[in-house]
Amino acid sequence: MREIAITTEFIKLQDLLKFAGLVETGGEAKERIQAGEALVNGEPCLQRGKKLRPGDSVQFAGEELTVGYAD
């Protein structure tokens, strides 16, 4: 499990996938999210703009990410 640290209140799902290097572009993120490839907190999520806050987890492409605040 990898933690992604953010300095804002939230990060959108598509931006998290790009920031983590799991997709190359926003277009790729959009297609893969809408295809049902992302799980947020264990549930399928088709919203690319889903707001993720510290404590949320994402499963995508065989990886699990958690969101946390940067120190």
PDB file of N, CA and C in Angstrom:
ATOM      1  N   MET A   1       0.847  -1.165   0.000  1.00  0.00           N
ATOM      2  CA  MET A   1       0.000   0.000   0.000  1.00  0.00           C
ATOM      3  C   MET A   1       0.902   1.240   0.000  1.00  0.00           C
ATOM      4  N   ARG A   2       0.565   2.153  -0.866  1.00  0.00           N
ATOM      5  CA  ARG A   2       1.340   3.379  -1.021  1.00  0.00           C
ATOM      6  C   ARG A   2       0.503   4.560  -0.563  1.00  0.00           C
ATOM      7  N   GLU A   3       1.098   5.451   0.221  1.00  0.00           N
ATOM      8  CA  GLU A   3       0.366   6.642   0.652  1.00  0.00           C
ATOM      9  C   GLU A   3       0.706   7.807  -0.262  1.00  0.00           C
ATOM     10  N   ILE A   4      -0.330   8.497  -0.703  1.00  0.00           N
ATOM     11  CA  ILE A   4      -0.171   9.707  -1.502  1.00  0.00           C
ATOM     12  C   ILE A   4      -0.496  10.884  -0.593  1.00  0.00           C
ATOM     13  N   ALA A   5       0.488  11.747  -0.378  1.00  0.00           N
ATOM     14  CA  ALA A   5       0.320  12.883   0.513  1.00  0.00           C
ATOM     15  C   ALA A   5      -0.199  14.087  -0.268  1.00  0.00           C
ATOM     16  N   ILE A   6      -1.218  14.738   0.279  1.00  0.00           N
ATOM     17  CA  ILE A   6      -1.776  15.932  -0.357  1.00  0.00           C
ATOM     18  C   ILE A   6      -1.676  17.111   0.603  1.00  0.00           C
ATOM     19  N   THR A   7      -1.668  18.307   0.040  1.00  0.00           N
ATOM     20  CA  THR A   7      -1.590  19.524   0.858  1.00  0.00           C
ATOM     21  C   THR A   7      -2.890  20.314   0.802  1.00  0.00           C
ATOM     22  N   THR A   8      -3.887  19.779   0.090  1.00  0.00           N
ATOM     23  CA  THR A   8      -5.186  20.432  -0.042  1.00  0.00           C
ATOM     24  C   THR A   8      -6.238  19.611   0.695  1.00  0.00           C
ATOM     25  N   GLU A   9      -7.464  20.110   0.705  1.00  0.00           N
ATOM     26  CA  GLU A   9      -8.544  19.407   1.403  1.00  0.00           C
ATOM     27  C   GLU A   9      -8.861  18.063   0.765  1.00  0.00           C
ATOM     28  N   PHE A  10      -8.775  17.992  -0.573  1.00  0.00           N
ATOM     29  CA  PHE A  10      -9.097  16.764  -1.290  1.00  0.00           C
ATOM     30  C   PHE A  10      -8.316  16.719  -2.595  1.00  0.00           C
ATOM     31  N   ILE A  11      -8.344  15.543  -3.241  1.00  0.00           N
ATOM     32  CA  ILE A  11      -7.787  15.366  -4.580  1.00  0.00           C
ATOM     33  C   ILE A  11      -8.805  14.556  -5.370  1.00  0.00           C
ATOM     34  N   LYS A  12      -8.993  14.919  -6.622  1.00  0.00           N
ATOM     35  CA  LYS A  12      -9.945  14.176  -7.459  1.00  0.00           C
ATOM     36  C   LYS A  12      -9.323  12.847  -7.876  1.00  0.00           C
ATOM     37  N   LEU A  13     -10.175  11.858  -8.067  1.00  0.00           N
ATOM     38  CA  LEU A  13      -9.721  10.514  -8.406  1.00  0.00           C
ATOM     39  C   LEU A  13      -8.825  10.512  -9.635  1.00  0.00           C
ATOM     40  N   GLN A  14      -9.230  11.179 -10.707  1.00  0.00           N
ATOM     41  CA  GLN A  14      -8.414  11.164 -11.921  1.00  0.00           C
ATOM     42  C   GLN A  14      -7.059  11.816 -11.677  1.00  0.00           C
ATOM     43  N   ASP A  15      -7.014  12.853 -10.848  1.00  0.00           N
ATOM     44  CA  ASP A  15      -5.755  13.519 -10.544  1.00  0.00           C
ATOM     45  C   ASP A  15      -4.854  12.642  -9.678  1.00  0.00           C
ATOM     46  N   LEU A  16      -5.446  11.889  -8.778  1.00  0.00           N
ATOM     47  CA  LEU A  16      -4.675  10.970  -7.949  1.00  0.00           C
ATOM     48  C   LEU A  16      -3.990   9.919  -8.814  1.00  0.00           C
ATOM     49  N   LEU A  17      -4.729   9.366  -9.777  1.00  0.00           N
ATOM     50  CA  LEU A  17      -4.151   8.333 -10.642  1.00  0.00           C
ATOM     51  C   LEU A  17      -3.000   8.894 -11.471  1.00  0.00           C
ATOM     52  N   LYS A  18      -3.143  10.127 -11.948  1.00  0.00           N
ATOM     53  CA  LYS A  18      -2.061  10.763 -12.703  1.00  0.00           C
ATOM     54  C   LYS A  18      -0.876  11.057 -11.788  1.00  0.00           C
ATOM     55  N   PHE A  19      -1.132  11.620 -10.615  1.00  0.00           N
ATOM     56  CA  PHE A  19      -0.083  11.971  -9.666  1.00  0.00           C
ATOM     57  C   PHE A  19       0.710  10.739  -9.230  1.00  0.00           C
ATOM     58  N   ALA A  20       0.023   9.609  -9.081  1.00  0.00           N
ATOM     59  CA  ALA A  20       0.672   8.368  -8.652  1.00  0.00           C
ATOM     60  C   ALA A  20       1.391   7.663  -9.800  1.00  0.00           C
ATOM     61  N   GLY A  21       1.222   8.174 -11.026  1.00  0.00           N
ATOM     62  CA  GLY A  21       1.898   7.577 -12.169  1.00  0.00           C
ATOM     63  C   GLY A  21       1.241   6.313 -12.685  1.00  0.00           C
ATOM     64  N   LEU A  22      -0.028   6.112 -12.365  1.00  0.00           N
ATOM     65  CA  LEU A  22      -0.722   4.898 -12.803  1.00  0.00           C
ATOM     66  C   LEU A  22      -1.368   5.057 -14.172  1.00  0.00           C
ATOM     67  N   VAL A  23      -1.538   6.299 -14.615  1.00  0.00           N
ATOM     68  CA  VAL A  23      -2.025   6.589 -15.965  1.00  0.00           C
ATOM     69  C   VAL A  23      -1.164   7.713 -16.532  1.00  0.00           C
ATOM     70  N   GLU A  24      -1.112   7.797 -17.858  1.00  0.00           N
ATOM     71  CA  GLU A  24      -0.297   8.817 -18.511  1.00  0.00           C
ATOM     72  C   GLU A  24      -1.025  10.142 -18.663  1.00  0.00           C
ATOM     73  N   THR A  25      -2.329  10.078 -18.974  1.00  0.00           N
ATOM     74  CA  THR A  25      -3.081  11.294 -19.277  1.00  0.00           C
ATOM     75  C   THR A  25      -4.427  11.292 -18.570  1.00  0.00           C
ATOM     76  N   GLY A  26      -5.038  12.471 -18.551  1.00  0.00           N
ATOM     77  CA  GLY A  26      -6.383  12.580 -17.997  1.00  0.00           C
ATOM     78  C   GLY A  26      -7.397  11.797 -18.812  1.00  0.00           C
ATOM     79  N   GLY A  27      -7.186  11.741 -20.120  1.00  0.00           N
ATOM     80  CA  GLY A  27      -8.079  10.977 -20.988  1.00  0.00           C
ATOM     81  C   GLY A  27      -8.041   9.496 -20.679  1.00  0.00           C
ATOM     82  N   GLU A  28      -6.828   8.989 -20.432  1.00  0.00           N
ATOM     83  CA  GLU A  28      -6.698   7.576 -20.070  1.00  0.00           C
ATOM     84  C   GLU A  28      -7.374   7.320 -18.725  1.00  0.00           C
ATOM     85  N   ALA A  29      -7.186   8.232 -17.778  1.00  0.00           N
ATOM     86  CA  ALA A  29      -7.825   8.085 -16.469  1.00  0.00           C
ATOM     87  C   ALA A  29      -9.335   8.046 -16.624  1.00  0.00           C
ATOM     88  N   LYS A  30      -9.878   8.960 -17.418  1.00  0.00           N
ATOM     89  CA  LYS A  30     -11.323   9.021 -17.634  1.00  0.00           C
ATOM     90  C   LYS A  30     -11.850   7.695 -18.181  1.00  0.00           C
ATOM     91  N   GLU A  31     -11.213   7.178 -19.219  1.00  0.00           N
ATOM     92  CA  GLU A  31     -11.670   5.930 -19.839  1.00  0.00           C
ATOM     93  C   GLU A  31     -11.615   4.761 -18.870  1.00  0.00           C
ATOM     94  N   ARG A  32     -10.526   4.653 -18.134  1.00  0.00           N
ATOM     95  CA  ARG A  32     -10.357   3.512 -17.242  1.00  0.00           C
ATOM     96  C   ARG A  32     -11.273   3.596 -16.026  1.00  0.00           C
ATOM     97  N   ILE A  33     -11.519   4.805 -15.535  1.00  0.00           N
ATOM     98  CA  ILE A  33     -12.444   4.969 -14.414  1.00  0.00           C
ATOM     99  C   ILE A  33     -13.863   4.631 -14.868  1.00  0.00           C
ATOM    100  N   GLN A  34     -14.262   5.147 -16.027  1.00  0.00           N
ATOM    101  CA  GLN A  34     -15.608   4.885 -16.532  1.00  0.00           C
ATOM    102  C   GLN A  34     -15.803   3.419 -16.930  1.00  0.00           C
ATOM    103  N   ALA A  35     -14.706   2.708 -17.155  1.00  0.00           N
ATOM    104  CA  ALA A  35     -14.781   1.272 -17.448  1.00  0.00           C
ATOM    105  C   ALA A  35     -14.904   0.451 -16.162  1.00  0.00           C
ATOM    106  N   GLY A  36     -14.877   1.122 -15.015  1.00  0.00           N
ATOM    107  CA  GLY A  36     -15.057   0.419 -13.746  1.00  0.00           C
ATOM    108  C   GLY A  36     -13.799  -0.179 -13.173  1.00  0.00           C
ATOM    109  N   GLU A  37     -12.633   0.308 -13.585  1.00  0.00           N
ATOM    110  CA  GLU A  37     -11.369  -0.276 -13.124  1.00  0.00           C
ATOM    111  C   GLU A  37     -10.915   0.232 -11.762  1.00  0.00           C
ATOM    112  N   ALA A  38     -11.553   1.283 -11.236  1.00  0.00           N
ATOM    113  CA  ALA A  38     -11.125   1.865  -9.959  1.00  0.00           C
ATOM    114  C   ALA A  38     -12.106   1.527  -8.848  1.00  0.00           C
ATOM    115  N   LEU A  39     -11.562   1.171  -7.702  1.00  0.00           N
ATOM    116  CA  LEU A  39     -12.362   0.957  -6.501  1.00  0.00           C
ATOM    117  C   LEU A  39     -11.975   2.024  -5.489  1.00  0.00           C
ATOM    118  N   VAL A  40     -12.959   2.673  -4.915  1.00  0.00           N
ATOM    119  CA  VAL A  40     -12.723   3.665  -3.870  1.00  0.00           C
ATOM    120  C   VAL A  40     -13.336   3.123  -2.590  1.00  0.00           C
ATOM    121  N   ASN A  41     -12.496   2.947  -1.583  1.00  0.00           N
ATOM    122  CA  ASN A  41     -12.936   2.369  -0.300  1.00  0.00           C
ATOM    123  C   ASN A  41     -13.663   1.041  -0.517  1.00  0.00           C
ATOM    124  N   GLY A  42     -13.155   0.249  -1.465  1.00  0.00           N
ATOM    125  CA  GLY A  42     -13.692  -1.085  -1.717  1.00  0.00           C
ATOM    126  C   GLY A  42     -14.911  -1.151  -2.623  1.00  0.00           C
ATOM    127  N   GLU A  43     -15.403  -0.007  -3.076  1.00  0.00           N
ATOM    128  CA  GLU A  43     -16.590   0.042  -3.928  1.00  0.00           C
ATOM    129  C   GLU A  43     -16.230   0.566  -5.316  1.00  0.00           C
ATOM    130  N   PRO A  44     -16.807   0.000  -6.376  1.00  0.00           N
ATOM    131  CA  PRO A  44     -16.544   0.537  -7.718  1.00  0.00           C
ATOM    132  C   PRO A  44     -16.951   2.008  -7.805  1.00  0.00           C
ATOM    133  N   CYS A  45     -16.125   2.799  -8.474  1.00  0.00           N
ATOM    134  CA  CYS A  45     -16.404   4.223  -8.620  1.00  0.00           C
ATOM    135  C   CYS A  45     -16.253   4.600 -10.085  1.00  0.00           C
ATOM    136  N   LEU A  46     -17.294   5.176 -10.662  1.00  0.00           N
ATOM    137  CA  LEU A  46     -17.272   5.588 -12.067  1.00  0.00           C
ATOM    138  C   LEU A  46     -17.155   7.102 -12.210  1.00  0.00           C
ATOM    139  N   GLN A  47     -16.956   7.808 -11.109  1.00  0.00           N
ATOM    140  CA  GLN A  47     -16.862   9.272 -11.130  1.00  0.00           C
ATOM    141  C   GLN A  47     -15.393   9.689 -11.139  1.00  0.00           C
ATOM    142  N   ARG A  48     -14.942  10.225 -12.252  1.00  0.00           N
ATOM    143  CA  ARG A  48     -13.530  10.623 -12.315  1.00  0.00           C
ATOM    144  C   ARG A  48     -13.238  11.816 -11.424  1.00  0.00           C
ATOM    145  N   GLY A  49     -14.270  12.630 -11.118  1.00  0.00           N
ATOM    146  CA  GLY A  49     -14.104  13.790 -10.261  1.00  0.00           C
ATOM    147  C   GLY A  49     -14.382  13.506  -8.792  1.00  0.00           C
ATOM    148  N   LYS A  50     -14.483  12.232  -8.425  1.00  0.00           N
ATOM    149  CA  LYS A  50     -14.747  11.850  -7.030  1.00  0.00           C
ATOM    150  C   LYS A  50     -13.699  12.492  -6.130  1.00  0.00           C
ATOM    151  N   LYS A  51     -14.158  13.197  -5.104  1.00  0.00           N
ATOM    152  CA  LYS A  51     -13.244  13.865  -4.185  1.00  0.00           C
ATOM    153  C   LYS A  51     -12.745  12.867  -3.145  1.00  0.00           C
ATOM    154  N   LEU A  52     -11.440  12.718  -3.083  1.00  0.00           N
ATOM    155  CA  LEU A  52     -10.819  11.811  -2.127  1.00  0.00           C
ATOM    156  C   LEU A  52     -10.167  12.636  -1.030  1.00  0.00           C
ATOM    157  N   ARG A  53     -10.414  12.239   0.182  1.00  0.00           N
ATOM    158  CA  ARG A  53      -9.854  12.939   1.339  1.00  0.00           C
ATOM    159  C   ARG A  53      -8.962  11.985   2.123  1.00  0.00           C
ATOM    160  N   PRO A  54      -8.109  12.525   2.995  1.00  0.00           N
ATOM    161  CA  PRO A  54      -7.260  11.646   3.812  1.00  0.00           C
ATOM    162  C   PRO A  54      -8.079  10.560   4.491  1.00  0.00           C
ATOM    163  N   GLY A  55      -7.554   9.352   4.421  1.00  0.00           N
ATOM    164  CA  GLY A  55      -8.249   8.183   4.964  1.00  0.00           C
ATOM    165  C   GLY A  55      -8.896   7.338   3.890  1.00  0.00           C
ATOM    166  N   ASP A  56      -9.148   7.921   2.709  1.00  0.00           N
ATOM    167  CA  ASP A  56      -9.733   7.156   1.611  1.00  0.00           C
ATOM    168  C   ASP A  56      -8.673   6.252   0.980  1.00  0.00           C
ATOM    169  N   SER A  57      -9.131   5.142   0.429  1.00  0.00           N
ATOM    170  CA  SER A  57      -8.221   4.231  -0.266  1.00  0.00           C
ATOM    171  C   SER A  57      -8.731   3.978  -1.681  1.00  0.00           C
ATOM    172  N   VAL A  58      -7.791   3.718  -2.583  1.00  0.00           N
ATOM    173  CA  VAL A  58      -8.105   3.463  -3.987  1.00  0.00           C
ATOM    174  C   VAL A  58      -7.364   2.216  -4.422  1.00  0.00           C
ATOM    175  N   GLN A  59      -8.073   1.322  -5.089  1.00  0.00           N
ATOM    176  CA  GLN A  59      -7.454   0.158  -5.707  1.00  0.00           C
ATOM    177  C   GLN A  59      -7.567   0.327  -7.212  1.00  0.00           C
ATOM    178  N   PHE A  60      -6.421   0.212  -7.902  1.00  0.00           N
ATOM    179  CA  PHE A  60      -6.385   0.430  -9.338  1.00  0.00           C
ATOM    180  C   PHE A  60      -5.158  -0.255  -9.904  1.00  0.00           C
ATOM    181  N   ALA A  61      -5.347  -0.989 -10.977  1.00  0.00           N
ATOM    182  CA  ALA A  61      -4.240  -1.637 -11.697  1.00  0.00           C
ATOM    183  C   ALA A  61      -3.336  -2.458 -10.772  1.00  0.00           C
ATOM    184  N   GLY A  62      -3.939  -3.173  -9.838  1.00  0.00           N
ATOM    185  CA  GLY A  62      -3.169  -4.037  -8.954  1.00  0.00           C
ATOM    186  C   GLY A  62      -2.452  -3.323  -7.824  1.00  0.00           C
ATOM    187  N   GLU A  63      -2.675  -2.029  -7.677  1.00  0.00           N
ATOM    188  CA  GLU A  63      -2.043  -1.273  -6.599  1.00  0.00           C
ATOM    189  C   GLU A  63      -3.109  -0.728  -5.668  1.00  0.00           C
ATOM    190  N   GLU A  64      -2.732  -0.542  -4.403  1.00  0.00           N
ATOM    191  CA  GLU A  64      -3.629   0.092  -3.438  1.00  0.00           C
ATOM    192  C   GLU A  64      -2.950   1.358  -2.937  1.00  0.00           C
ATOM    193  N   LEU A  65      -3.693   2.450  -3.021  1.00  0.00           N
ATOM    194  CA  LEU A  65      -3.202   3.757  -2.595  1.00  0.00           C
ATOM    195  C   LEU A  65      -4.070   4.266  -1.460  1.00  0.00           C
ATOM    196  N   THR A  66      -3.466   4.986  -0.529  1.00  0.00           N
ATOM    197  CA  THR A  66      -4.229   5.682   0.495  1.00  0.00           C
ATOM    198  C   THR A  66      -3.879   7.167   0.397  1.00  0.00           C
ATOM    199  N   VAL A  67      -4.805   7.982   0.808  1.00  0.00           N
ATOM    200  CA  VAL A  67      -4.617   9.424   0.778  1.00  0.00           C
ATOM    201  C   VAL A  67      -4.337   9.895   2.200  1.00  0.00           C
ATOM    202  N   GLY A  68      -3.316  10.738   2.329  1.00  0.00           N
ATOM    203  CA  GLY A  68      -2.980  11.310   3.637  1.00  0.00           C
ATOM    204  C   GLY A  68      -2.515  12.746   3.474  1.00  0.00           C
ATOM    205  N   TYR A  69      -2.469  13.468   4.576  1.00  0.00           N
ATOM    206  CA  TYR A  69      -1.975  14.843   4.542  1.00  0.00           C
ATOM    207  C   TYR A  69      -0.457  14.854   4.572  1.00  0.00           C
ATOM    208  N   ALA A  70       0.132  15.754   3.810  1.00  0.00           N
ATOM    209  CA  ALA A  70       1.585  15.961   3.873  1.00  0.00           C
ATOM    210  C   ALA A  70       1.916  16.609   5.209  1.00  0.00           C
ATOM    211  N   ASP A  71       3.073  16.306   5.732  1.00  0.00           N
ATOM    212  CA  ASP A  71       3.506  16.894   7.017  1.00  0.00           C
ATOM    213  C   ASP A  71       3.814  18.350   6.892  1.00  0.00           C
TER     214      ASP A  71
END
